Amino acid sequence: MKNYIYTLLAIGGFSIFVVGGRDAYSQNLQVNFGVTFRNARLAPLWIAEEQGYFKKQGLDVKQVNISGGTQGAQMMVAGGVDVSYDDPISCVVATAGGMPVKAIVGGTPSLAYLVIGGPGVKTIADIKGKRLGSSGLGLSASRLALLVGLRRFGLDGDKGDFTIVAGGQEPERIAGLTSGALAATVISPEYRTKLQQLGVNMLADLRTLNIPWETATIITTAKNVQVKRDFLDRVVRAILQANAFILNPANRARVIDTMTTQLALKSPEESAAIYDDLLKFYVFKKPYPTRDGFANIIAEVAKSVPKAGALKYEDVVDISIMEKLDKSGFIDSLYK
């Protein structure tokens, strides 16, 4: 009944009062939320914090910056963080290594990179035989993006059509392009305006090629999925509420302000372009991790980690929380 406290539940040792049809938690749960990158794909996390969605779910979120996805998965398994925004490559590697990690919310179902050529590299064909830069070797997200993306254009790095070298993070790779040390690289679209000012060449937007992939998923350990379901349910609810806020055209100005602040953007045009990217590529009403995207990631990882080849979608993804919130009508209710 509205305006009356009509039920008292004890979940995970924390009392939850339902008042007037809304949950009011007697005390907040601490969430250590890992982040292994900083770009527009973190928008739901920033909006959920700014708009108070985590607080409304009884969560006190602390963002923990982590250098690289492999370290993120290791830190999670060790208990240093509860959930992370991470590249799902880490799920596959960790699970293949005997430390089961699951993606519970999908992110960007595409390769979220631009292929950029240096001053003398004006077409994809010009890349052949050249040195390309990724953040690191092995299973770095940018290296796999180069291999998978350029394969679509008939260039196969595994067959020697180009050489990938460790070029550092994006600012270092951009410097490598302008100095001639790198012929090409992949760069997050947030750097688009800066790249145009430097006179380098955009060769392809991998997001538009319809290559099934996954980036920027929310991950946690398989153990957490089993023993902390209420906790994770609250996290996912807050993120879905943030997605709905972002996708509502009435909130455009607020979202742009948030992105401008978080990413230190310099111009209104730059901010508007990133907002458009959010709606087109990064934020979805029902962000289920995609089967085809994970199948492609597993296949690529298996080339370096043979045990990964035996993994299936269900081994590295758990959609049970998403399905529960979807079937209950919670997600649809956010858009009425």
C-alpha atoms as a PDB file:
ATOM      1  CA  MET A   1       0.000   0.000   0.000  1.00  0.00           C
ATOM      2  CA  LYS A   2       1.287   3.427  -0.898  1.00  0.00           C
ATOM      3  CA  ASN A   3       2.534   5.657   1.920  1.00  0.00           C
ATOM      4  CA  TYR A   4       2.866   2.725   4.278  1.00  0.00           C
ATOM      5  CA  ILE A   5       5.764   0.480   5.136  1.00  0.00           C
ATOM      6  CA  TYR A   6       4.302  -2.851   4.269  1.00  0.00           C
ATOM      7  CA  THR A   7       7.144  -5.275   4.166  1.00  0.00           C
ATOM      8  CA  LEU A   8      10.497  -5.825   5.738  1.00  0.00           C
ATOM      9  CA  LEU A   9      13.013  -8.097   4.121  1.00  0.00           C
ATOM     10  CA  ALA A  10      16.483  -9.158   5.115  1.00  0.00           C
ATOM     11  CA  ILE A  11      18.675  -9.724   2.090  1.00  0.00           C
ATOM     12  CA  GLY A  12      22.383 -10.393   2.475  1.00  0.00           C
ATOM     13  CA  GLY A  13      22.337  -9.005   5.999  1.00  0.00           C
ATOM     14  CA  PHE A  14      20.952  -5.603   4.940  1.00  0.00           C
ATOM     15  CA  SER A  15      17.412  -4.467   5.709  1.00  0.00           C
ATOM     16  CA  ILE A  16      15.337  -3.218   2.810  1.00  0.00           C
ATOM     17  CA  PHE A  17      12.168  -1.223   3.357  1.00  0.00           C
ATOM     18  CA  VAL A  18       9.656  -0.906   0.543  1.00  0.00           C
ATOM     19  CA  VAL A  19       7.950   2.436   0.931  1.00  0.00           C
ATOM     20  CA  GLY A  20       5.257   3.689  -1.394  1.00  0.00           C
ATOM     21  CA  GLY A  21       6.278   1.126  -4.014  1.00  0.00           C
ATOM     22  CA  ARG A  22       9.972   2.216  -4.013  1.00  0.00           C
ATOM     23  CA  ASP A  23      12.994   0.544  -2.394  1.00  0.00           C
ATOM     24  CA  ALA A  24      14.782   2.477   0.339  1.00  0.00           C
ATOM     25  CA  TYR A  25      17.870   0.704   1.652  1.00  0.00           C
ATOM     26  CA  SER A  26      18.753   1.172   5.298  1.00  0.00           C
ATOM     27  CA  GLN A  27      22.444   1.317   4.481  1.00  0.00           C
ATOM     28  CA  ASN A  28      24.486   1.247   1.323  1.00  0.00           C
ATOM     29  CA  LEU A  29      26.609  -1.614   0.114  1.00  0.00           C
ATOM     30  CA  GLN A  30      30.146  -0.678  -0.899  1.00  0.00           C
ATOM     31  CA  VAL A  31      30.920  -1.538  -4.524  1.00  0.00           C
ATOM     32  CA  ASN A  32      34.450  -1.490  -5.856  1.00  0.00           C
ATOM     33  CA  PHE A  33      33.802  -0.927  -9.569  1.00  0.00           C
ATOM     34  CA  GLY A  34      36.873  -1.475 -11.712  1.00  0.00           C
ATOM     35  CA  VAL A  35      37.480   0.459 -14.933  1.00  0.00           C
ATOM     36  CA  THR A  36      40.222  -0.572 -17.346  1.00  0.00           C
ATOM     37  CA  PHE A  37      39.788   2.239 -19.890  1.00  0.00           C
ATOM     38  CA  ARG A  38      38.540   5.806 -20.084  1.00  0.00           C
ATOM     39  CA  ASN A  39      36.379   6.695 -23.045  1.00  0.00           C
ATOM     40  CA  ALA A  40      32.749   7.295 -23.994  1.00  0.00           C
ATOM     41  CA  ARG A  41      31.809   3.692 -23.342  1.00  0.00           C
ATOM     42  CA  LEU A  42      31.884   4.473 -19.619  1.00  0.00           C
ATOM     43  CA  ALA A  43      28.930   6.856 -20.019  1.00  0.00           C
ATOM     44  CA  PRO A  44      26.416   4.558 -18.238  1.00  0.00           C
ATOM     45  CA  LEU A  45      28.703   4.322 -15.208  1.00  0.00           C
ATOM     46  CA  TRP A  46      29.186   8.093 -15.028  1.00  0.00           C
ATOM     47  CA  ILE A  47      25.485   8.820 -15.496  1.00  0.00           C
ATOM     48  CA  ALA A  48      24.439   6.195 -12.926  1.00  0.00           C
ATOM     49  CA  GLU A  49      26.689   7.883 -10.378  1.00  0.00           C
ATOM     50  CA  GLU A  50      25.748  11.452 -11.315  1.00  0.00           C
ATOM     51  CA  GLN A  51      22.002  10.851 -11.400  1.00  0.00           C
ATOM     52  CA  GLY A  52      21.989   8.904  -8.131  1.00  0.00           C
ATOM     53  CA  TYR A  53      20.871   5.579  -9.581  1.00  0.00           C
ATOM     54  CA  PHE A  54      23.458   3.629  -7.587  1.00  0.00           C
ATOM     55  CA  LYS A  55      22.375   5.374  -4.372  1.00  0.00           C
ATOM     56  CA  LYS A  56      18.734   4.569  -5.078  1.00  0.00           C
ATOM     57  CA  GLN A  57      19.730   0.915  -5.368  1.00  0.00           C
ATOM     58  CA  GLY A  58      21.479   1.048  -2.002  1.00  0.00           C
ATOM     59  CA  LEU A  59      24.986   1.094  -3.467  1.00  0.00           C
ATOM     60  CA  ASP A  60      27.997   3.230  -2.659  1.00  0.00           C
ATOM     61  CA  VAL A  61      30.240   2.949  -5.716  1.00  0.00           C
ATOM     62  CA  LYS A  62      33.979   3.507  -5.655  1.00  0.00           C
ATOM     63  CA  GLN A  63      35.643   3.545  -9.068  1.00  0.00           C
ATOM     64  CA  VAL A  64      38.959   1.709  -9.148  1.00  0.00           C
ATOM     65  CA  ASN A  65      41.220   2.500 -12.103  1.00  0.00           C
ATOM     66  CA  ILE A  66      43.040  -0.559 -13.412  1.00  0.00           C
ATOM     67  CA  SER A  67      45.776  -0.657 -16.017  1.00  0.00           C
ATOM     68  CA  GLY A  68      44.721  -3.222 -18.601  1.00  0.00           C
ATOM     69  CA  GLY A  69      42.113  -5.949 -18.853  1.00  0.00           C
ATOM     70  CA  THR A  70      44.343  -8.836 -17.745  1.00  0.00           C
ATOM     71  CA  GLN A  71      45.139  -7.036 -14.512  1.00  0.00           C
ATOM     72  CA  GLY A  72      41.440  -6.259 -14.115  1.00  0.00           C
ATOM     73  CA  ALA A  73      40.429  -9.915 -14.244  1.00  0.00           C
ATOM     74  CA  GLN A  74      43.227 -10.888 -11.858  1.00  0.00           C
ATOM     75  CA  MET A  75      42.234  -8.150  -9.410  1.00  0.00           C
ATOM     76  CA  MET A  76      38.617  -9.279  -9.554  1.00  0.00           C
ATOM     77  CA  VAL A  77      39.447 -12.928  -8.909  1.00  0.00           C
ATOM     78  CA  ALA A  78      41.582 -11.797  -5.962  1.00  0.00           C
ATOM     79  CA  GLY A  79      38.629  -9.831  -4.556  1.00  0.00           C
ATOM     80  CA  GLY A  80      40.041  -6.351  -5.134  1.00  0.00           C
ATOM     81  CA  VAL A  81      37.029  -5.299  -7.203  1.00  0.00           C
ATOM     82  CA  ASP A  82      33.482  -6.635  -7.341  1.00  0.00           C
ATOM     83  CA  VAL A  83      32.582  -5.802 -10.941  1.00  0.00           C
ATOM     84  CA  SER A  84      34.433  -4.100 -13.785  1.00  0.00           C
ATOM     85  CA  TYR A  85      33.922  -2.401 -17.086  1.00  0.00           C
ATOM     86  CA  ASP A  86      36.413  -4.401 -19.077  1.00  0.00           C
ATOM     87  CA  ASP A  87      37.163  -5.823 -22.469  1.00  0.00           C
ATOM     88  CA  PRO A  88      35.601  -9.305 -22.636  1.00  0.00           C
ATOM     89  CA  ILE A  89      38.891 -10.704 -23.925  1.00  0.00           C
ATOM     90  CA  SER A  90      39.769 -10.858 -20.225  1.00  0.00           C
ATOM     91  CA  CYS A  91      36.755 -13.133 -19.555  1.00  0.00           C
ATOM     92  CA  VAL A  92      37.964 -15.614 -22.140  1.00  0.00           C
ATOM     93  CA  VAL A  93      41.599 -15.571 -21.003  1.00  0.00           C
ATOM     94  CA  ALA A  94      40.765 -15.872 -17.293  1.00  0.00           C
ATOM     95  CA  THR A  95      38.188 -18.614 -17.801  1.00  0.00           C
ATOM     96  CA  ALA A  96      40.524 -20.585 -20.067  1.00  0.00           C
ATOM     97  CA  GLY A  97      43.121 -20.312 -17.297  1.00  0.00           C
ATOM     98  CA  GLY A  98      40.814 -21.844 -14.718  1.00  0.00           C
ATOM     99  CA  MET A  99      39.520 -18.614 -13.143  1.00  0.00           C
ATOM    100  CA  PRO A 100      35.901 -18.347 -14.387  1.00  0.00           C
ATOM    101  CA  VAL A 101      34.863 -14.763 -15.153  1.00  0.00           C
ATOM    102  CA  LYS A 102      31.527 -13.843 -16.709  1.00  0.00           C
ATOM    103  CA  ALA A 103      30.177 -10.942 -18.734  1.00  0.00           C
ATOM    104  CA  ILE A 104      26.789 -10.032 -17.238  1.00  0.00           C
ATOM    105  CA  VAL A 105      25.938  -6.908 -19.285  1.00  0.00           C
ATOM    106  CA  GLY A 106      26.911  -6.324 -22.898  1.00  0.00           C
ATOM    107  CA  GLY A 107      28.635  -3.214 -24.094  1.00  0.00           C
ATOM    108  CA  THR A 108      29.501  -2.224 -27.641  1.00  0.00           C
ATOM    109  CA  PRO A 109      28.758  -5.074 -30.078  1.00  0.00           C
ATOM    110  CA  SER A 110      31.374  -3.939 -32.578  1.00  0.00           C
ATOM    111  CA  LEU A 111      35.065  -3.061 -32.933  1.00  0.00           C
ATOM    112  CA  ALA A 112      35.025   0.429 -31.433  1.00  0.00           C
ATOM    113  CA  TYR A 113      38.047   1.830 -33.255  1.00  0.00           C
ATOM    114  CA  LEU A 114      39.060   4.005 -36.174  1.00  0.00           C
ATOM    115  CA  VAL A 115      41.930   2.847 -38.399  1.00  0.00           C
ATOM    116  CA  ILE A 116      44.243   5.847 -38.806  1.00  0.00           C
ATOM    117  CA  GLY A 117      47.102   6.195 -41.278  1.00  0.00           C
ATOM    118  CA  GLY A 118      50.095   8.500 -41.027  1.00  0.00           C
ATOM    119  CA  PRO A 119      50.646  11.379 -43.472  1.00  0.00           C
ATOM    120  CA  GLY A 120      51.829   9.074 -46.254  1.00  0.00           C
ATOM    121  CA  VAL A 121      49.227   6.356 -45.746  1.00  0.00           C
ATOM    122  CA  LYS A 122      46.007   7.391 -47.457  1.00  0.00           C
ATOM    123  CA  THR A 123      44.282   4.067 -48.139  1.00  0.00           C
ATOM    124  CA  ILE A 124      44.011   0.672 -46.483  1.00  0.00           C
ATOM    125  CA  ALA A 125      46.069  -0.767 -49.356  1.00  0.00           C
ATOM    126  CA  ASP A 126      48.971   1.486 -48.336  1.00  0.00           C
ATOM    127  CA  ILE A 127      49.242  -0.447 -45.053  1.00  0.00           C
ATOM    128  CA  LYS A 128      50.595  -3.593 -46.691  1.00  0.00           C
ATOM    129  CA  GLY A 129      54.161  -4.342 -45.625  1.00  0.00           C
ATOM    130  CA  LYS A 130      54.183  -1.556 -43.032  1.00  0.00           C
ATOM    131  CA  ARG A 131      54.593  -1.281 -39.241  1.00  0.00           C
ATOM    132  CA  LEU A 132      51.354  -0.828 -37.339  1.00  0.00           C
ATOM    133  CA  GLY A 133      51.017   0.096 -33.690  1.00  0.00           C
ATOM    134  CA  SER A 134      48.833  -1.424 -30.990  1.00  0.00           C
ATOM    135  CA  SER A 135      48.853  -0.694 -27.261  1.00  0.00           C
ATOM    136  CA  GLY A 136      50.718  -3.908 -26.622  1.00  0.00           C
ATOM    137  CA  LEU A 137      51.362  -7.288 -28.121  1.00  0.00           C
ATOM    138  CA  GLY A 138      49.686 -10.556 -27.235  1.00  0.00           C
ATOM    139  CA  LEU A 139      45.953 -10.224 -26.639  1.00  0.00           C
ATOM    140  CA  SER A 140      45.614  -6.460 -26.297  1.00  0.00           C
ATOM    141  CA  ALA A 141      42.239  -5.194 -27.530  1.00  0.00           C
ATOM    142  CA  SER A 142      43.815  -2.804 -30.035  1.00  0.00           C
ATOM    143  CA  ARG A 143      46.011  -5.547 -31.532  1.00  0.00           C
ATOM    144  CA  LEU A 144      43.038  -7.850 -32.066  1.00  0.00           C
ATOM    145  CA  ALA A 145      41.107  -4.930 -33.564  1.00  0.00           C
ATOM    146  CA  LEU A 146      43.870  -4.460 -36.144  1.00  0.00           C
ATOM    147  CA  LEU A 147      44.006  -8.149 -36.993  1.00  0.00           C
ATOM    148  CA  VAL A 148      40.236  -8.660 -37.191  1.00  0.00           C
ATOM    149  CA  GLY A 149      39.376  -5.323 -38.792  1.00  0.00           C
ATOM    150  CA  LEU A 150      42.003  -5.368 -41.517  1.00  0.00           C
ATOM    151  CA  ARG A 151      41.146  -8.950 -42.403  1.00  0.00           C
ATOM    152  CA  ARG A 152      37.854  -7.555 -43.698  1.00  0.00           C
ATOM    153  CA  PHE A 153      39.914  -5.573 -46.252  1.00  0.00           C
ATOM    154  CA  GLY A 154      41.917  -8.589 -47.372  1.00  0.00           C
ATOM    155  CA  LEU A 155      45.007  -7.921 -45.260  1.00  0.00           C
ATOM    156  CA  ASP A 156      46.097 -10.739 -42.953  1.00  0.00           C
ATOM    157  CA  GLY A 157      48.621  -9.917 -40.263  1.00  0.00           C
ATOM    158  CA  ASP A 158      48.949 -13.592 -39.374  1.00  0.00           C
ATOM    159  CA  LYS A 159      50.299 -14.141 -42.893  1.00  0.00           C
ATOM    160  CA  GLY A 160      52.739 -11.243 -42.778  1.00  0.00           C
ATOM    161  CA  ASP A 161      50.777  -8.614 -44.710  1.00  0.00           C
ATOM    162  CA  PHE A 162      51.774  -6.125 -41.990  1.00  0.00           C
ATOM    163  CA  THR A 163      53.738  -6.100 -38.747  1.00  0.00           C
ATOM    164  CA  ILE A 164      52.262  -5.057 -35.399  1.00  0.00           C
ATOM    165  CA  VAL A 165      54.554  -3.467 -32.834  1.00  0.00           C
ATOM    166  CA  ALA A 166      53.851  -2.217 -29.314  1.00  0.00           C
ATOM    167  CA  GLY A 167      53.151   1.485 -29.759  1.00  0.00           C
ATOM    168  CA  GLY A 168      51.879   2.415 -26.297  1.00  0.00           C
ATOM    169  CA  GLN A 169      48.578   3.986 -25.318  1.00  0.00           C
ATOM    170  CA  GLU A 170      46.641   6.193 -27.718  1.00  0.00           C
ATOM    171  CA  PRO A 171      48.582   9.463 -27.183  1.00  0.00           C
ATOM    172  CA  GLU A 172      51.831   7.585 -27.813  1.00  0.00           C
ATOM    173  CA  ARG A 173      50.436   5.894 -30.910  1.00  0.00           C
ATOM    174  CA  ILE A 174      49.243   9.220 -32.292  1.00  0.00           C
ATOM    175  CA  ALA A 175      52.757  10.597 -31.751  1.00  0.00           C
ATOM    176  CA  GLY A 176      54.130   7.561 -33.559  1.00  0.00           C
ATOM    177  CA  LEU A 177      51.909   8.306 -36.545  1.00  0.00           C
ATOM    178  CA  THR A 178      52.998  11.922 -36.836  1.00  0.00           C
ATOM    179  CA  SER A 179      56.681  11.053 -36.434  1.00  0.00           C
ATOM    180  CA  GLY A 180      56.560   8.294 -39.032  1.00  0.00           C
ATOM    181  CA  ALA A 181      57.461   5.551 -36.565  1.00  0.00           C
ATOM    182  CA  LEU A 182      54.088   3.933 -37.274  1.00  0.00           C
ATOM    183  CA  ALA A 183      52.362   3.715 -40.623  1.00  0.00           C
ATOM    184  CA  ALA A 184      48.943   3.152 -39.052  1.00  0.00           C
ATOM    185  CA  THR A 185      47.151   2.241 -35.854  1.00  0.00           C
ATOM    186  CA  VAL A 186      43.683   2.006 -34.316  1.00  0.00           C
ATOM    187  CA  ILE A 187      42.404   4.855 -32.174  1.00  0.00           C
ATOM    188  CA  SER A 188      39.211   5.326 -30.143  1.00  0.00           C
ATOM    189  CA  PRO A 189      36.744   7.622 -31.945  1.00  0.00           C
ATOM    190  CA  GLU A 190      36.926  10.157 -29.090  1.00  0.00           C
ATOM    191  CA  TYR A 191      40.229  11.331 -30.580  1.00  0.00           C
ATOM    192  CA  ARG A 192      38.631  12.110 -33.939  1.00  0.00           C
ATOM    193  CA  THR A 193      38.836  15.927 -33.694  1.00  0.00           C
ATOM    194  CA  LYS A 194      42.449  15.887 -32.539  1.00  0.00           C
ATOM    195  CA  LEU A 195      43.381  13.542 -35.365  1.00  0.00           C
ATOM    196  CA  GLN A 196      41.783  15.807 -37.954  1.00  0.00           C
ATOM    197  CA  GLN A 197      43.852  18.710 -36.652  1.00  0.00           C
ATOM    198  CA  LEU A 198      47.060  16.689 -37.018  1.00  0.00           C
ATOM    199  CA  GLY A 199      46.510  15.955 -40.680  1.00  0.00           C
ATOM    200  CA  VAL A 200      46.595  12.181 -40.398  1.00  0.00           C
ATOM    201  CA  ASN A 201      44.182  10.067 -42.429  1.00  0.00           C
ATOM    202  CA  MET A 202      41.122   8.140 -41.268  1.00  0.00           C
ATOM    203  CA  LEU A 203      41.141   4.949 -43.291  1.00  0.00           C
ATOM    204  CA  ALA A 204      38.154   3.111 -41.809  1.00  0.00           C
ATOM    205  CA  ASP A 205      35.620   3.183 -39.013  1.00  0.00           C
ATOM    206  CA  LEU A 206      35.555  -0.413 -37.835  1.00  0.00           C
ATOM    207  CA  ARG A 207      32.242   0.117 -36.050  1.00  0.00           C
ATOM    208  CA  THR A 208      30.457   0.415 -39.397  1.00  0.00           C
ATOM    209  CA  LEU A 209      31.724  -2.880 -40.849  1.00  0.00           C
ATOM    210  CA  ASN A 210      29.211  -5.081 -38.984  1.00  0.00           C
ATOM    211  CA  ILE A 211      31.934  -7.313 -37.598  1.00  0.00           C
ATOM    212  CA  PRO A 212      30.407  -9.140 -34.605  1.00  0.00           C
ATOM    213  CA  TRP A 213      32.498  -8.303 -31.530  1.00  0.00           C
ATOM    214  CA  GLU A 214      32.113  -7.093 -27.956  1.00  0.00           C
ATOM    215  CA  THR A 215      33.881  -4.325 -26.085  1.00  0.00           C
ATOM    216  CA  ALA A 216      33.301  -2.600 -22.746  1.00  0.00           C
ATOM    217  CA  THR A 217      31.206  -5.269 -21.057  1.00  0.00           C
ATOM    218  CA  ILE A 218      30.450  -5.450 -17.345  1.00  0.00           C
ATOM    219  CA  ILE A 219      32.165  -8.505 -15.900  1.00  0.00           C
ATOM    220  CA  THR A 220      32.352 -10.288 -12.560  1.00  0.00           C
ATOM    221  CA  THR A 221      33.464 -13.670 -11.294  1.00  0.00           C
ATOM    222  CA  ALA A 222      31.323 -16.749 -11.797  1.00  0.00           C
ATOM    223  CA  LYS A 223      31.337 -17.140  -8.010  1.00  0.00           C
ATOM    224  CA  ASN A 224      29.886 -13.652  -7.540  1.00  0.00           C
ATOM    225  CA  VAL A 225      27.073 -14.495  -9.951  1.00  0.00           C
ATOM    226  CA  GLN A 226      26.155 -17.380  -7.677  1.00  0.00           C
ATOM    227  CA  VAL A 227      26.564 -15.842  -4.209  1.00  0.00           C
ATOM    228  CA  LYS A 228      25.999 -12.084  -4.750  1.00  0.00           C
ATOM    229  CA  ARG A 229      22.958 -12.043  -6.991  1.00  0.00           C
ATOM    230  CA  ASP A 230      21.060  -9.354  -5.096  1.00  0.00           C
ATOM    231  CA  PHE A 231      24.144  -7.172  -5.103  1.00  0.00           C
ATOM    232  CA  LEU A 232      24.679  -7.648  -8.858  1.00  0.00           C
ATOM    233  CA  ASP A 233      20.966  -7.189  -9.548  1.00  0.00           C
ATOM    234  CA  ARG A 234      21.206  -3.707  -8.025  1.00  0.00           C
ATOM    235  CA  VAL A 235      24.285  -2.851 -10.098  1.00  0.00           C
ATOM    236  CA  VAL A 236      22.605  -3.921 -13.328  1.00  0.00           C
ATOM    237  CA  ARG A 237      19.404  -2.033 -12.467  1.00  0.00           C
ATOM    238  CA  ALA A 238      21.371   1.184 -11.986  1.00  0.00           C
ATOM    239  CA  ILE A 239      23.227   0.755 -15.286  1.00  0.00           C
ATOM    240  CA  LEU A 240      19.975   0.061 -17.154  1.00  0.00           C
ATOM    241  CA  GLN A 241      18.441   3.191 -15.619  1.00  0.00           C
ATOM    242  CA  ALA A 242      21.473   5.151 -16.819  1.00  0.00           C
ATOM    243  CA  ASN A 243      21.062   3.717 -20.310  1.00  0.00           C
ATOM    244  CA  ALA A 244      17.447   4.878 -20.355  1.00  0.00           C
ATOM    245  CA  PHE A 245      18.507   8.358 -19.240  1.00  0.00           C
ATOM    246  CA  ILE A 246      21.112   8.569 -22.016  1.00  0.00           C
ATOM    247  CA  LEU A 247      18.707   7.322 -24.678  1.00  0.00           C
ATOM    248  CA  ASN A 248      16.034   9.878 -23.732  1.00  0.00           C
ATOM    249  CA  PRO A 249      16.408  12.849 -26.145  1.00  0.00           C
ATOM    250  CA  ALA A 250      15.233  15.201 -23.397  1.00  0.00           C
ATOM    251  CA  ASN A 251      18.497  14.516 -21.538  1.00  0.00           C
ATOM    252  CA  ARG A 252      20.815  15.298 -24.450  1.00  0.00           C
ATOM    253  CA  ALA A 253      22.259  18.485 -22.951  1.00  0.00           C
ATOM    254  CA  ARG A 254      22.865  16.852 -19.553  1.00  0.00           C
ATOM    255  CA  VAL A 255      24.614  13.857 -21.113  1.00  0.00           C
ATOM    256  CA  ILE A 256      26.767  16.098 -23.302  1.00  0.00           C
ATOM    257  CA  ASP A 257      27.787  18.129 -20.241  1.00  0.00           C
ATOM    258  CA  THR A 258      28.788  14.951 -18.435  1.00  0.00           C
ATOM    259  CA  MET A 259      30.831  13.660 -21.362  1.00  0.00           C
ATOM    260  CA  THR A 260      32.492  17.054 -21.839  1.00  0.00           C
ATOM    261  CA  THR A 261      33.605  17.060 -18.203  1.00  0.00           C
ATOM    262  CA  GLN A 262      34.632  13.419 -17.946  1.00  0.00           C
ATOM    263  CA  LEU A 263      36.580  13.377 -21.217  1.00  0.00           C
ATOM    264  CA  ALA A 264      37.905  16.974 -21.030  1.00  0.00           C
ATOM    265  CA  LEU A 265      36.447  17.774 -24.437  1.00  0.00           C
ATOM    266  CA  LYS A 266      37.324  21.133 -25.986  1.00  0.00           C
ATOM    267  CA  SER A 267      34.557  21.975 -28.452  1.00  0.00           C
ATOM    268  CA  PRO A 268      30.749  21.677 -28.716  1.00  0.00           C
ATOM    269  CA  GLU A 269      31.159  19.850 -32.031  1.00  0.00           C
ATOM    270  CA  GLU A 270      33.368  17.245 -30.402  1.00  0.00           C
ATOM    271  CA  SER A 271      30.873  16.731 -27.571  1.00  0.00           C
ATOM    272  CA  ALA A 272      27.911  16.452 -29.944  1.00  0.00           C
ATOM    273  CA  ALA A 273      29.722  13.868 -32.069  1.00  0.00           C
ATOM    274  CA  ILE A 274      30.428  11.715 -29.033  1.00  0.00           C
ATOM    275  CA  TYR A 275      26.796  11.943 -27.900  1.00  0.00           C
ATOM    276  CA  ASP A 276      25.725  10.744 -31.361  1.00  0.00           C
ATOM    277  CA  ASP A 277      28.160   7.830 -31.006  1.00  0.00           C
ATOM    278  CA  LEU A 278      26.574   6.876 -27.682  1.00  0.00           C
ATOM    279  CA  LEU A 279      23.151   6.554 -29.262  1.00  0.00           C
ATOM    280  CA  LYS A 280      24.335   4.786 -32.401  1.00  0.00           C
ATOM    281  CA  PHE A 281      27.066   2.447 -31.195  1.00  0.00           C
ATOM    282  CA  TYR A 282      27.463   2.240 -27.406  1.00  0.00           C
ATOM    283  CA  VAL A 283      24.232   2.436 -25.398  1.00  0.00           C
ATOM    284  CA  PHE A 284      21.304   0.062 -25.843  1.00  0.00           C
ATOM    285  CA  LYS A 285      17.947  -0.521 -24.200  1.00  0.00           C
ATOM    286  CA  LYS A 286      18.632  -4.212 -23.638  1.00  0.00           C
ATOM    287  CA  PRO A 287      22.401  -4.737 -23.717  1.00  0.00           C
ATOM    288  CA  TYR A 288      22.671  -8.494 -23.877  1.00  0.00           C
ATOM    289  CA  PRO A 289      26.180  -9.776 -24.684  1.00  0.00           C
ATOM    290  CA  THR A 290      26.037 -11.075 -28.257  1.00  0.00           C
ATOM    291  CA  ARG A 291      26.712 -14.699 -29.153  1.00  0.00           C
ATOM    292  CA  ASP A 292      28.417 -13.930 -32.453  1.00  0.00           C
ATOM    293  CA  GLY A 293      30.623 -11.301 -30.841  1.00  0.00           C
ATOM    294  CA  PHE A 294      31.854 -13.685 -28.166  1.00  0.00           C
ATOM    295  CA  ALA A 295      32.285 -16.499 -30.683  1.00  0.00           C
ATOM    296  CA  ASN A 296      34.677 -14.289 -32.657  1.00  0.00           C
ATOM    297  CA  ILE A 297      36.590 -13.253 -29.543  1.00  0.00           C
ATOM    298  CA  ILE A 298      36.947 -16.868 -28.425  1.00  0.00           C
ATOM    299  CA  ALA A 299      38.235 -17.846 -31.872  1.00  0.00           C
ATOM    300  CA  GLU A 300      40.869 -15.092 -31.859  1.00  0.00           C
ATOM    301  CA  VAL A 301      42.007 -15.744 -28.292  1.00  0.00           C
ATOM    302  CA  ALA A 302      42.291 -19.469 -29.023  1.00  0.00           C
ATOM    303  CA  LYS A 303      45.091 -18.738 -31.498  1.00  0.00           C
ATOM    304  CA  SER A 304      47.248 -17.681 -28.550  1.00  0.00           C
ATOM    305  CA  VAL A 305      45.554 -19.625 -25.740  1.00  0.00           C
ATOM    306  CA  PRO A 306      44.573 -23.031 -27.171  1.00  0.00           C
ATOM    307  CA  LYS A 307      42.432 -23.954 -24.145  1.00  0.00           C
ATOM    308  CA  ALA A 308      40.110 -21.079 -25.030  1.00  0.00           C
ATOM    309  CA  GLY A 309      39.030 -22.961 -28.144  1.00  0.00           C
ATOM    310  CA  ALA A 310      36.910 -25.309 -26.029  1.00  0.00           C
ATOM    311  CA  LEU A 311      34.922 -22.470 -24.456  1.00  0.00           C
ATOM    312  CA  LYS A 312      31.316 -21.722 -25.338  1.00  0.00           C
ATOM    313  CA  TYR A 313      29.238 -18.572 -24.936  1.00  0.00           C
ATOM    314  CA  GLU A 314      27.746 -19.845 -21.669  1.00  0.00           C
ATOM    315  CA  ASP A 315      31.211 -20.409 -20.207  1.00  0.00           C
ATOM    316  CA  VAL A 316      32.052 -16.701 -20.324  1.00  0.00           C
ATOM    317  CA  VAL A 317      28.623 -15.037 -20.292  1.00  0.00           C
ATOM    318  CA  ASP A 318      25.767 -15.128 -17.774  1.00  0.00           C
ATOM    319  CA  ILE A 319      22.605 -13.360 -18.915  1.00  0.00           C
ATOM    320  CA  SER A 320      20.425 -14.563 -16.036  1.00  0.00           C
ATOM    321  CA  ILE A 321      20.261 -11.156 -14.316  1.00  0.00           C
ATOM    322  CA  MET A 322      19.532  -9.348 -17.579  1.00  0.00           C
ATOM    323  CA  GLU A 323      16.860 -11.912 -18.440  1.00  0.00           C
ATOM    324  CA  LYS A 324      15.214 -11.575 -15.046  1.00  0.00           C
ATOM    325  CA  LEU A 325      14.993  -7.787 -15.322  1.00  0.00           C
ATOM    326  CA  ASP A 326      13.807  -8.033 -18.915  1.00  0.00           C
ATOM    327  CA  LYS A 327      11.106 -10.635 -18.304  1.00  0.00           C
ATOM    328  CA  SER A 328       9.864  -8.827 -15.197  1.00  0.00           C
ATOM    329  CA  GLY A 329       9.139  -5.733 -17.291  1.00  0.00           C
ATOM    330  CA  PHE A 330      11.675  -3.609 -15.424  1.00  0.00           C
ATOM    331  CA  ILE A 331      13.561  -2.567 -18.552  1.00  0.00           C
ATOM    332  CA  ASP A 332      10.456  -1.703 -20.555  1.00  0.00           C
ATOM    333  CA  SER A 333       9.116   0.317 -17.627  1.00  0.00           C
ATOM    334  CA  LEU A 334      12.117   2.674 -17.930  1.00  0.00           C
ATOM    335  CA  TYR A 335      10.932   3.808 -21.364  1.00  0.00           C
ATOM    336  CA  LYS A 336       7.263   4.562 -20.600  1.00  0.00           C
END
